[in-house]
Amino acid sequence: MSATVQVLRAVPELQAALSEYVISCNLASASDFQRFGRSREPNPIARSLRDLYTTMAHSTGGVMPLAFLTVLRAAVPQFAERSRTGNSYAQQGSASTI
């Protein structure tokens, strides 16, 4: 996941879109989201990723993306799957063995 987050951070269009998206969500009224049966936060992954990049920009050391990972696991349950032993999370994106 670290490599993916780093690569996406280098895409200026994504950085601009995250800023604009989060700003537009903040400007929308709560009734607009309730009218469509959604919470005030239409996409918590976008906000969390933006916050992660902000933290990374203000840090000279490593950053643990725990808040982003928690939001990602809640939004996409596949990332919350446990390994067969149950001691850790399952590896994502690897080839399965038979």
N, C-alpha and C. Protein backbone atom coordinates (compact mmCIF):
# COMPACT_ATOMS: atom_id res chain seq x y z
N MET A 1 0.81 -1.18 0.00
CA MET A 1 0.00 0.00 0.00
C MET A 1 0.87 1.26 0.00
N SER A 2 1.97 1.20 0.65
CA SER A 2 2.85 2.37 0.73
C SER A 2 3.27 2.86 -0.65
N ALA A 3 3.66 1.93 -1.50
CA ALA A 3 4.08 2.32 -2.85
C ALA A 3 2.95 2.95 -3.63
N THR A 4 1.75 2.41 -3.49
CA THR A 4 0.59 2.96 -4.21
C THR A 4 0.27 4.36 -3.73
N VAL A 5 0.30 4.58 -2.43
CA VAL A 5 0.03 5.91 -1.88
C VAL A 5 1.07 6.90 -2.38
N GLN A 6 2.34 6.47 -2.41
CA GLN A 6 3.41 7.36 -2.87
C GLN A 6 3.27 7.71 -4.35
N VAL A 7 2.93 6.73 -5.17
CA VAL A 7 2.77 6.97 -6.60
C VAL A 7 1.60 7.92 -6.85
N LEU A 8 0.47 7.68 -6.18
CA LEU A 8 -0.69 8.54 -6.36
C LEU A 8 -0.41 9.97 -5.89
N ARG A 9 0.43 10.10 -4.90
CA ARG A 9 0.78 11.43 -4.39
C ARG A 9 1.52 12.26 -5.44
N ALA A 10 2.19 11.60 -6.35
CA ALA A 10 2.97 12.30 -7.38
C ALA A 10 2.11 12.77 -8.56
N VAL A 11 0.82 12.48 -8.54
CA VAL A 11 -0.06 12.87 -9.64
C VAL A 11 -0.71 14.21 -9.31
N PRO A 12 -0.27 15.30 -9.95
CA PRO A 12 -0.79 16.62 -9.61
C PRO A 12 -2.30 16.75 -9.84
N GLU A 13 -2.81 16.09 -10.85
CA GLU A 13 -4.25 16.16 -11.12
C GLU A 13 -5.06 15.55 -9.97
N LEU A 14 -4.54 14.49 -9.37
CA LEU A 14 -5.22 13.88 -8.24
C LEU A 14 -5.20 14.81 -7.04
N GLN A 15 -4.06 15.45 -6.80
CA GLN A 15 -3.97 16.39 -5.67
C GLN A 15 -4.97 17.52 -5.83
N ALA A 16 -5.07 18.07 -7.04
CA ALA A 16 -6.03 19.16 -7.30
C ALA A 16 -7.46 18.67 -7.14
N ALA A 17 -7.74 17.48 -7.66
CA ALA A 17 -9.10 16.93 -7.57
C ALA A 17 -9.48 16.65 -6.12
N LEU A 18 -8.56 16.13 -5.32
CA LEU A 18 -8.87 15.89 -3.91
C LEU A 18 -9.20 17.18 -3.19
N SER A 19 -8.43 18.22 -3.44
CA SER A 19 -8.69 19.52 -2.81
C SER A 19 -10.03 20.07 -3.24
N GLU A 20 -10.31 20.05 -4.53
CA GLU A 20 -11.57 20.58 -5.04
C GLU A 20 -12.75 19.75 -4.57
N TYR A 21 -12.60 18.44 -4.55
CA TYR A 21 -13.69 17.55 -4.15
C TYR A 21 -14.06 17.80 -2.69
N VAL A 22 -13.06 17.84 -1.83
CA VAL A 22 -13.32 18.03 -0.41
C VAL A 22 -13.91 19.40 -0.16
N ILE A 23 -13.43 20.43 -0.85
CA ILE A 23 -13.99 21.77 -0.70
C ILE A 23 -15.44 21.78 -1.15
N SER A 24 -15.74 21.16 -2.28
CA SER A 24 -17.12 21.15 -2.76
C SER A 24 -18.04 20.40 -1.80
N CYS A 25 -17.54 19.37 -1.13
CA CYS A 25 -18.34 18.64 -0.16
C CYS A 25 -18.62 19.50 1.06
N ASN A 26 -17.63 20.30 1.45
CA ASN A 26 -17.82 21.16 2.61
C ASN A 26 -18.83 22.26 2.32
N LEU A 27 -18.93 22.69 1.07
CA LEU A 27 -19.84 23.76 0.71
C LEU A 27 -21.27 23.27 0.55
N ALA A 28 -21.46 22.00 0.28
CA ALA A 28 -22.81 21.46 0.11
C ALA A 28 -23.53 21.44 1.46
N SER A 29 -24.80 21.68 1.44
CA SER A 29 -25.56 21.69 2.69
C SER A 29 -25.89 20.26 3.12
N ALA A 30 -26.08 20.09 4.41
CA ALA A 30 -26.42 18.77 4.95
C ALA A 30 -27.73 18.28 4.36
N SER A 31 -28.66 19.18 4.11
CA SER A 31 -29.96 18.75 3.57
C SER A 31 -29.80 18.18 2.16
N ASP A 32 -28.83 18.66 1.39
CA ASP A 32 -28.59 18.11 0.05
C ASP A 32 -28.23 16.64 0.13
N PHE A 33 -27.38 16.27 1.09
CA PHE A 33 -26.96 14.88 1.23
C PHE A 33 -28.09 14.04 1.82
N GLN A 34 -28.82 14.59 2.79
CA GLN A 34 -29.92 13.86 3.41
C GLN A 34 -31.03 13.59 2.41
N ARG A 35 -31.25 14.52 1.50
CA ARG A 35 -32.28 14.35 0.50
C ARG A 35 -32.02 13.12 -0.35
N PHE A 36 -30.76 12.79 -0.57
CA PHE A 36 -30.41 11.64 -1.38
C PHE A 36 -30.07 10.42 -0.53
N GLY A 37 -30.35 10.51 0.77
CA GLY A 37 -30.14 9.36 1.65
C GLY A 37 -28.69 9.09 1.97
N ARG A 38 -27.85 10.10 1.91
CA ARG A 38 -26.43 9.92 2.21
C ARG A 38 -26.06 10.70 3.47
N SER A 39 -24.95 10.32 4.02
CA SER A 39 -24.42 11.07 5.16
C SER A 39 -23.78 12.35 4.63
N ARG A 40 -23.39 13.23 5.54
CA ARG A 40 -22.75 14.49 5.14
C ARG A 40 -21.44 14.24 4.41
N GLU A 41 -20.81 13.12 4.68
CA GLU A 41 -19.54 12.78 4.06
C GLU A 41 -19.78 11.78 2.94
N PRO A 42 -19.86 12.23 1.68
CA PRO A 42 -20.18 11.31 0.59
C PRO A 42 -19.06 10.33 0.26
N ASN A 43 -17.82 10.71 0.49
CA ASN A 43 -16.71 9.82 0.19
C ASN A 43 -15.60 10.02 1.22
N PRO A 44 -15.65 9.28 2.33
CA PRO A 44 -14.64 9.46 3.36
C PRO A 44 -13.24 9.07 2.91
N ILE A 45 -13.12 8.22 1.89
CA ILE A 45 -11.79 7.85 1.39
C ILE A 45 -11.08 9.07 0.82
N ALA A 46 -11.79 9.88 0.06
CA ALA A 46 -11.18 11.08 -0.53
C ALA A 46 -10.68 12.02 0.56
N ARG A 47 -11.50 12.25 1.57
CA ARG A 47 -11.08 13.15 2.66
C ARG A 47 -9.89 12.56 3.40
N SER A 48 -9.93 11.27 3.68
CA SER A 48 -8.86 10.63 4.43
C SER A 48 -7.54 10.64 3.64
N LEU A 49 -7.63 10.41 2.33
CA LEU A 49 -6.42 10.44 1.51
C LEU A 49 -5.86 11.85 1.46
N ARG A 50 -6.74 12.85 1.33
CA ARG A 50 -6.28 14.24 1.34
C ARG A 50 -5.59 14.56 2.66
N ASP A 51 -6.19 14.13 3.78
CA ASP A 51 -5.58 14.38 5.09
C ASP A 51 -4.24 13.66 5.24
N LEU A 52 -4.14 12.46 4.70
CA LEU A 52 -2.88 11.72 4.74
C LEU A 52 -1.80 12.48 3.98
N TYR A 53 -2.12 12.97 2.79
CA TYR A 53 -1.14 13.73 2.01
C TYR A 53 -0.75 15.02 2.70
N THR A 54 -1.68 15.65 3.38
CA THR A 54 -1.36 16.87 4.13
C THR A 54 -0.39 16.55 5.26
N THR A 55 -0.64 15.46 5.97
CA THR A 55 0.25 15.03 7.05
C THR A 55 1.64 14.71 6.50
N MET A 56 1.68 14.02 5.37
CA MET A 56 2.96 13.66 4.76
C MET A 56 3.74 14.91 4.34
N ALA A 57 3.04 15.92 3.86
CA ALA A 57 3.70 17.15 3.42
C ALA A 57 4.32 17.91 4.59
N HIS A 58 3.75 17.75 5.79
CA HIS A 58 4.23 18.48 6.96
C HIS A 58 5.18 17.65 7.83
N SER A 59 5.57 16.48 7.35
CA SER A 59 6.42 15.60 8.13
C SER A 59 7.74 15.36 7.41
N THR A 60 8.81 15.27 8.19
CA THR A 60 10.10 14.95 7.61
C THR A 60 10.43 13.47 7.78
N GLY A 61 9.64 12.78 8.58
CA GLY A 61 9.86 11.35 8.81
C GLY A 61 8.76 10.52 8.18
N GLY A 62 8.73 9.27 8.55
CA GLY A 62 7.70 8.37 8.05
C GLY A 62 6.35 8.67 8.68
N VAL A 63 5.31 8.35 7.97
CA VAL A 63 3.95 8.57 8.46
C VAL A 63 3.20 7.24 8.40
N MET A 64 2.56 6.87 9.50
CA MET A 64 1.75 5.66 9.54
C MET A 64 0.34 6.03 9.06
N PRO A 65 -0.14 5.44 7.99
CA PRO A 65 -1.44 5.81 7.43
C PRO A 65 -2.61 5.09 8.09
N LEU A 66 -2.63 5.03 9.42
CA LEU A 66 -3.64 4.24 10.12
C LEU A 66 -5.05 4.76 9.90
N ALA A 67 -5.25 6.07 9.92
CA ALA A 67 -6.61 6.62 9.71
C ALA A 67 -7.09 6.29 8.31
N PHE A 68 -6.22 6.46 7.31
CA PHE A 68 -6.60 6.14 5.94
C PHE A 68 -6.90 4.65 5.79
N LEU A 69 -6.08 3.82 6.38
CA LEU A 69 -6.27 2.38 6.29
C LEU A 69 -7.58 1.95 6.96
N THR A 70 -7.91 2.56 8.07
CA THR A 70 -9.16 2.26 8.77
C THR A 70 -10.36 2.62 7.90
N VAL A 71 -10.32 3.80 7.28
CA VAL A 71 -11.41 4.24 6.40
C VAL A 71 -11.50 3.32 5.19
N LEU A 72 -10.35 2.97 4.62
CA LEU A 72 -10.33 2.09 3.45
C LEU A 72 -10.93 0.72 3.79
N ARG A 73 -10.55 0.17 4.94
CA ARG A 73 -11.07 -1.14 5.34
C ARG A 73 -12.58 -1.10 5.61
N ALA A 74 -13.07 0.03 6.12
CA ALA A 74 -14.51 0.16 6.36
C ALA A 74 -15.27 0.29 5.04
N ALA A 75 -14.69 0.99 4.08
CA ALA A 75 -15.37 1.23 2.80
C ALA A 75 -15.26 0.03 1.86
N VAL A 76 -14.14 -0.68 1.92
CA VAL A 76 -13.90 -1.82 1.03
C VAL A 76 -13.53 -3.02 1.91
N PRO A 77 -14.52 -3.80 2.31
CA PRO A 77 -14.28 -4.90 3.26
C PRO A 77 -13.21 -5.90 2.84
N GLN A 78 -12.92 -6.01 1.56
CA GLN A 78 -11.88 -6.94 1.11
C GLN A 78 -10.55 -6.61 1.79
N PHE A 79 -10.28 -5.34 2.05
CA PHE A 79 -9.02 -4.95 2.68
C PHE A 79 -9.00 -5.24 4.18
N ALA A 80 -10.13 -5.66 4.73
CA ALA A 80 -10.19 -6.02 6.15
C ALA A 80 -10.15 -7.53 6.37
N GLU A 81 -10.01 -8.29 5.28
CA GLU A 81 -9.96 -9.75 5.40
C GLU A 81 -8.73 -10.17 6.19
N ARG A 82 -8.91 -11.19 6.99
CA ARG A 82 -7.81 -11.71 7.80
C ARG A 82 -7.13 -12.87 7.07
N SER A 83 -5.87 -13.10 7.39
CA SER A 83 -5.13 -14.22 6.81
C SER A 83 -5.72 -15.53 7.31
N ARG A 84 -5.30 -16.61 6.71
CA ARG A 84 -5.83 -17.92 7.12
C ARG A 84 -5.52 -18.24 8.58
N THR A 85 -4.41 -17.75 9.07
CA THR A 85 -4.06 -18.00 10.47
C THR A 85 -4.81 -17.07 11.41
N GLY A 86 -5.33 -15.97 10.87
CA GLY A 86 -6.09 -15.03 11.68
C GLY A 86 -5.25 -14.07 12.49
N ASN A 87 -3.92 -14.17 12.37
CA ASN A 87 -3.03 -13.32 13.16
C ASN A 87 -2.77 -11.96 12.52
N SER A 88 -3.07 -11.82 11.24
CA SER A 88 -2.81 -10.57 10.55
C SER A 88 -3.81 -10.41 9.41
N TYR A 89 -3.72 -9.26 8.76
CA TYR A 89 -4.59 -9.05 7.60
C TYR A 89 -4.07 -9.82 6.40
N ALA A 90 -4.97 -10.24 5.54
CA ALA A 90 -4.60 -10.99 4.35
C ALA A 90 -3.84 -10.10 3.39
N GLN A 91 -2.91 -10.69 2.67
CA GLN A 91 -2.16 -9.97 1.65
C GLN A 91 -3.09 -9.69 0.49
N GLN A 92 -3.11 -8.47 -0.01
CA GLN A 92 -3.96 -8.09 -1.12
C GLN A 92 -3.12 -8.02 -2.40
N GLY A 93 -3.70 -8.44 -3.51
CA GLY A 93 -3.04 -8.28 -4.79
C GLY A 93 -2.00 -9.34 -5.12
N SER A 94 -1.85 -10.33 -4.30
CA SER A 94 -0.87 -11.36 -4.62
C SER A 94 -1.57 -12.53 -5.30
N ALA A 95 -0.80 -13.28 -6.04
CA ALA A 95 -1.36 -14.46 -6.72
C ALA A 95 -1.67 -15.52 -5.67
N SER A 96 -2.80 -16.14 -5.82
CA SER A 96 -3.15 -17.20 -4.86
C SER A 96 -2.43 -18.48 -5.23
N THR A 97 -2.14 -19.28 -4.23
CA THR A 97 -1.48 -20.55 -4.48
C THR A 97 -2.50 -21.67 -4.30
N ILE A 98 -2.24 -22.76 -4.96
CA ILE A 98 -3.15 -23.89 -4.89
C ILE A 98 -2.63 -24.93 -3.93
